[in-house]
Each structure stands twice: as C-alpha cells, then as structure tokens.
Amino acid sequence: MKPDIRGLLTDLDKDVLYNAGLHSIGPILEIGSYHGASTVLLAQGLIDNEHNTYTLITVDPFNKHVECGIPGLGIIVHITGRITRWIRDRNLDKYCVRHKVWTLNDRSCDIINTFPDNIFGTIFIDGDHSYPATKVDLMQCIPKLKSGGLLLVHDKNHKDVIRAVHEEVTGDIFMSYAYYPGCDMACIAYKR
C-alpha cells in the first residue's frame, strides 16, 4: 500500500523507492526523511525483501539547533523539527514499519563517515539540496555503497543537486545512470 503522506514524491518516485527496498542487497541508508513517505516506502520494500533481516538507517537532524543568524528563528526551527519528527514517527507506526527503521538524529555530514565502507545495498539522498551539502553527502556516501548497490538522489528540480550528481556520479564508479520521465530522482545508478 502506497502511503498517503505529505511529501514531494511522484507516483513513479514511490514505485522506485519501494522497489529499491524490495531488491536491496544490504541495509539501506536514507538521508533526510521529512514526514516519512520515503522512509515508509523503503521499509515496506525491505519487509517484502527475501533478505528480511536488512535494516533502514535514516539520518535527519530534525530538531538539532540551526544557526540561522535571525534572532528567535532558532527556537522556531527547533519546535518545527520536533513536530516533523513526531509526524514521521506517527507515520512509521501507521504503516507498521517502525521495527525496520533505525533513526540517527544528526546531520549527515557528521555521521556518515562513522559507517564502514561497502556496507549499504541502497543509499537514498534527499537531505539539504544545496550544492555543498549534496556534494559532501555524495562524497561521503559513495564509498559506503556496496558493489552492485543502488544510489538514488532526489530532486532533479534543484540545479545544485544536478551539479553535484554530475560531478560525483561518474562512469568509473557507476555502471549506469538514468533519468526517467515522471520521476523526480536526479540519479538512479548502480555501483560497479
């Protein structure tokens, strides 16, 4: 059942995410989860995966303090992050997938390098869409992906995401790299 969760996923994106979980060759790493639509889809796929022991690790700062330079805005970001995490967790329960999800409440740039290389069967990046953040996510995540593993990067409507993908997802590392009409994935690639 496709989740009815607020987010920015097309129907094709939802199919791609579910199938990524279904066919993952190892644990999944997700960067950015918002209200949990992608988290639920990846976890549902993992539950239906023949290797049902795999886990989905999701990294999102949620309520971490954000230095924004605007007086008073930090507390708004903090409260909004707590509400977003509560909504995401409620959705994990609603779709009965919480047991497959391990949440790290941190920024991806601070946590990714704590994982060993070649551990994840699938990596889905949908975090900070700025060029520097996307580039760092890609640089840190690519070594963590197993050979034959799937890299998904959302959102092809952000020029900074596309720029980082073009620089980091190269033919010497990846076997294939595709765009699909109706799909907002900036990258769907298998690692050599």
Protein backbone atom coordinates (compact mmCIF):
# COMPACT_ATOMS: atom_id res chain seq x y z
CA MET A 1 0.00 0.00 0.00
CA LYS A 2 1.49 3.34 -1.05
CA PRO A 3 1.48 5.70 1.92
CA ASP A 4 -0.67 8.79 1.84
CA ILE A 5 1.94 11.01 3.48
CA ARG A 6 2.69 14.64 2.75
CA GLY A 7 5.84 14.96 0.70
CA LEU A 8 7.27 15.72 -2.70
CA LEU A 9 7.29 12.27 -4.29
CA THR A 10 5.69 11.44 -7.62
CA ASP A 11 3.93 8.10 -8.06
CA LEU A 12 6.95 6.87 -10.03
CA ASP A 13 9.28 8.02 -7.23
CA LYS A 14 7.19 5.94 -4.83
CA ASP A 15 7.49 2.86 -7.07
CA VAL A 16 11.26 3.37 -7.39
CA LEU A 17 11.68 3.65 -3.60
CA TYR A 18 9.56 0.60 -2.78
CA ASN A 19 11.45 -1.46 -5.38
CA ALA A 20 14.78 -0.18 -4.07
CA GLY A 21 13.88 -1.65 -0.68
CA LEU A 22 12.47 -4.82 -2.22
CA HIS A 23 15.64 -5.53 -4.20
CA SER A 24 18.27 -4.06 -1.88
CA ILE A 25 21.40 -6.19 -1.50
CA GLY A 26 22.08 -4.89 2.00
CA PRO A 27 20.94 -2.40 4.62
CA ILE A 28 19.61 0.94 3.39
CA LEU A 29 20.84 4.41 4.27
CA GLU A 30 18.40 7.30 3.88
CA ILE A 31 19.49 10.92 4.25
CA GLY A 32 16.50 13.14 5.01
CA SER A 33 13.09 11.76 5.89
CA TYR A 34 10.74 14.73 6.43
CA HIS A 35 7.29 13.24 7.21
CA GLY A 36 8.42 9.73 6.32
CA ALA A 37 6.90 8.90 2.92
CA SER A 38 10.24 7.73 1.53
CA THR A 39 11.09 6.01 4.82
CA VAL A 40 7.84 4.04 4.78
CA LEU A 41 8.27 3.01 1.12
CA LEU A 42 11.86 1.86 1.58
CA ALA A 43 10.91 -0.03 4.77
CA GLN A 44 7.87 -1.66 3.11
CA GLY A 45 10.18 -2.89 0.35
CA LEU A 46 12.64 -4.23 2.94
CA ILE A 47 9.84 -6.07 4.72
CA ASP A 48 8.92 -7.77 1.43
CA ASN A 49 12.61 -8.38 0.55
CA GLU A 50 13.67 -12.03 0.66
CA HIS A 51 16.53 -10.91 2.94
CA ASN A 52 14.15 -9.55 5.53
CA THR A 53 16.92 -9.05 8.10
CA TYR A 54 18.12 -5.79 6.49
CA THR A 55 17.53 -2.52 8.32
CA LEU A 56 16.84 1.01 7.13
CA ILE A 57 19.03 3.64 8.79
CA THR A 58 17.64 7.14 8.37
CA VAL A 59 19.66 10.26 9.14
CA ASP A 60 17.86 13.53 9.78
CA PRO A 61 18.72 16.39 12.16
CA PHE A 62 15.01 17.08 12.91
CA ASN A 63 15.33 19.29 15.98
CA LYS A 64 19.05 19.97 16.01
CA HIS A 65 19.72 23.67 16.56
CA VAL A 66 20.28 25.50 13.28
CA GLU A 67 22.46 28.60 13.22
CA CYS A 68 20.41 30.92 11.05
CA GLY A 69 21.50 34.37 12.20
CA ILE A 70 17.92 35.56 12.69
CA PRO A 71 17.03 36.25 16.33
CA GLY A 72 14.28 33.96 17.55
CA LEU A 73 14.21 31.77 14.45
CA GLY A 74 16.37 29.06 16.06
CA ILE A 75 13.59 28.19 18.52
CA ILE A 76 11.04 28.03 15.67
CA VAL A 77 13.31 25.65 13.75
CA HIS A 78 13.74 23.56 16.92
CA ILE A 79 9.98 23.30 17.55
CA THR A 80 9.22 22.63 13.87
CA GLY A 81 11.84 19.86 13.84
CA ARG A 82 10.25 18.19 16.86
CA ILE A 83 6.82 18.32 15.20
CA THR A 84 8.22 16.92 11.94
CA ARG A 85 9.87 14.03 13.83
CA TRP A 86 6.59 13.33 15.68
CA ILE A 87 4.66 13.27 12.37
CA ARG A 88 7.30 11.00 10.79
CA ASP A 89 7.23 8.60 13.76
CA ARG A 90 3.42 8.53 13.71
CA ASN A 91 3.57 7.56 10.03
CA LEU A 92 6.07 4.77 10.73
CA ASP A 93 3.59 3.38 13.26
CA LYS A 94 0.57 3.86 10.99
CA TYR A 95 2.22 1.79 8.23
CA CYS A 96 3.73 -0.76 10.68
CA VAL A 97 7.35 -0.26 9.63
CA ARG A 98 8.98 1.23 12.72
CA HIS A 99 10.67 -2.10 13.54
CA LYS A 100 12.71 -1.83 10.29
CA VAL A 101 13.89 1.76 10.89
CA TRP A 102 16.79 2.98 12.97
CA THR A 103 16.87 6.80 13.24
CA LEU A 104 20.01 8.86 13.76
CA ASN A 105 19.07 12.36 14.84
CA ASP A 106 22.07 14.16 13.37
CA ARG A 107 23.38 15.93 10.30
CA SER A 108 24.53 13.54 7.58
CA CYS A 109 27.93 15.25 7.27
CA ASP A 110 28.59 14.47 10.95
CA ILE A 111 27.55 10.80 10.89
CA ILE A 112 28.17 9.12 7.51
CA ASN A 113 31.90 8.58 7.99
CA THR A 114 31.21 6.56 11.15
CA PHE A 115 29.93 3.71 8.94
CA PRO A 116 32.34 1.23 7.37
CA ASP A 117 32.83 1.26 3.60
CA ASN A 118 30.89 -1.14 1.35
CA ILE A 119 28.08 -1.76 3.85
CA PHE A 120 24.87 -0.41 2.27
CA GLY A 121 22.91 -2.09 -0.51
CA THR A 122 20.93 1.09 -1.22
CA ILE A 123 21.51 4.75 -0.42
CA PHE A 124 18.79 7.37 -0.86
CA ILE A 125 19.87 11.02 -0.57
CA ASP A 126 17.13 13.61 -0.09
CA GLY A 127 18.57 15.96 2.50
CA ASP A 128 19.86 19.50 2.19
CA HIS A 129 19.55 20.35 -1.52
CA SER A 130 22.34 22.94 -1.57
CA TYR A 131 25.36 22.21 -3.76
CA PRO A 132 27.89 21.95 -0.90
CA ALA A 133 25.68 19.68 1.21
CA THR A 134 24.72 17.40 -1.71
CA LYS A 135 28.35 17.16 -2.83
CA VAL A 136 29.50 16.22 0.69
CA ASP A 137 26.68 13.67 1.02
CA LEU A 138 27.71 12.08 -2.28
CA MET A 139 31.43 12.14 -1.47
CA GLN A 140 30.82 10.52 1.92
CA CYS A 141 28.13 8.05 0.81
CA ILE A 142 29.61 6.58 -2.37
CA PRO A 143 32.36 4.62 -0.52
CA LYS A 144 29.69 3.26 1.85
CA LEU A 145 27.74 1.67 -1.04
CA LYS A 146 28.44 -1.98 -1.89
CA SER A 147 29.44 -3.03 -5.38
CA GLY A 148 26.16 -3.61 -7.21
CA GLY A 149 24.39 -1.30 -4.76
CA LEU A 150 21.85 1.31 -5.80
CA LEU A 151 22.30 5.07 -5.35
CA LEU A 152 19.19 7.25 -5.52
CA VAL A 153 19.32 11.03 -5.30
CA HIS A 154 16.20 13.20 -5.16
CA ASP A 155 15.38 16.00 -6.56
CA LYS A 156 16.12 16.72 -10.21
CA ASN A 157 14.38 20.10 -9.97
CA HIS A 158 17.27 21.53 -7.92
CA LYS A 159 20.16 22.70 -10.13
CA ASP A 160 22.62 22.36 -7.23
CA VAL A 161 21.68 18.70 -6.78
CA ILE A 162 22.14 18.04 -10.51
CA ARG A 163 25.54 19.79 -10.47
CA ALA A 164 26.78 17.68 -7.54
CA VAL A 165 25.45 14.47 -9.14
CA HIS A 166 27.21 15.24 -12.45
CA GLU A 167 30.49 15.80 -10.60
CA GLU A 168 30.37 12.79 -8.26
CA VAL A 169 28.40 10.05 -10.03
CA THR A 170 30.90 9.11 -12.70
CA GLY A 171 31.22 6.23 -15.15
CA ASP A 172 34.36 4.90 -13.49
CA ILE A 173 32.38 4.28 -10.29
CA PHE A 174 28.88 3.54 -11.57
CA MET A 175 27.61 1.09 -14.21
CA SER A 176 24.51 3.01 -15.19
CA TYR A 177 22.99 6.37 -14.55
CA ALA A 178 19.47 7.23 -15.65
CA TYR A 179 16.63 9.73 -15.61
CA TYR A 180 13.05 8.58 -16.02
CA PRO A 181 10.14 10.72 -17.26
CA GLY A 182 7.68 11.32 -14.42
CA CYS A 183 10.32 10.56 -11.82
CA ASP A 184 11.99 13.31 -9.79
CA MET A 185 15.09 11.29 -8.98
CA ALA A 186 18.18 13.21 -10.07
CA CYS A 187 20.11 9.97 -10.07
CA ILE A 188 19.40 6.26 -10.21
CA ALA A 189 22.74 4.46 -10.50
CA TYR A 190 24.30 1.08 -9.71
CA LYS A 191 27.84 0.99 -8.32
CA ARG A 192 30.43 -1.12 -10.16
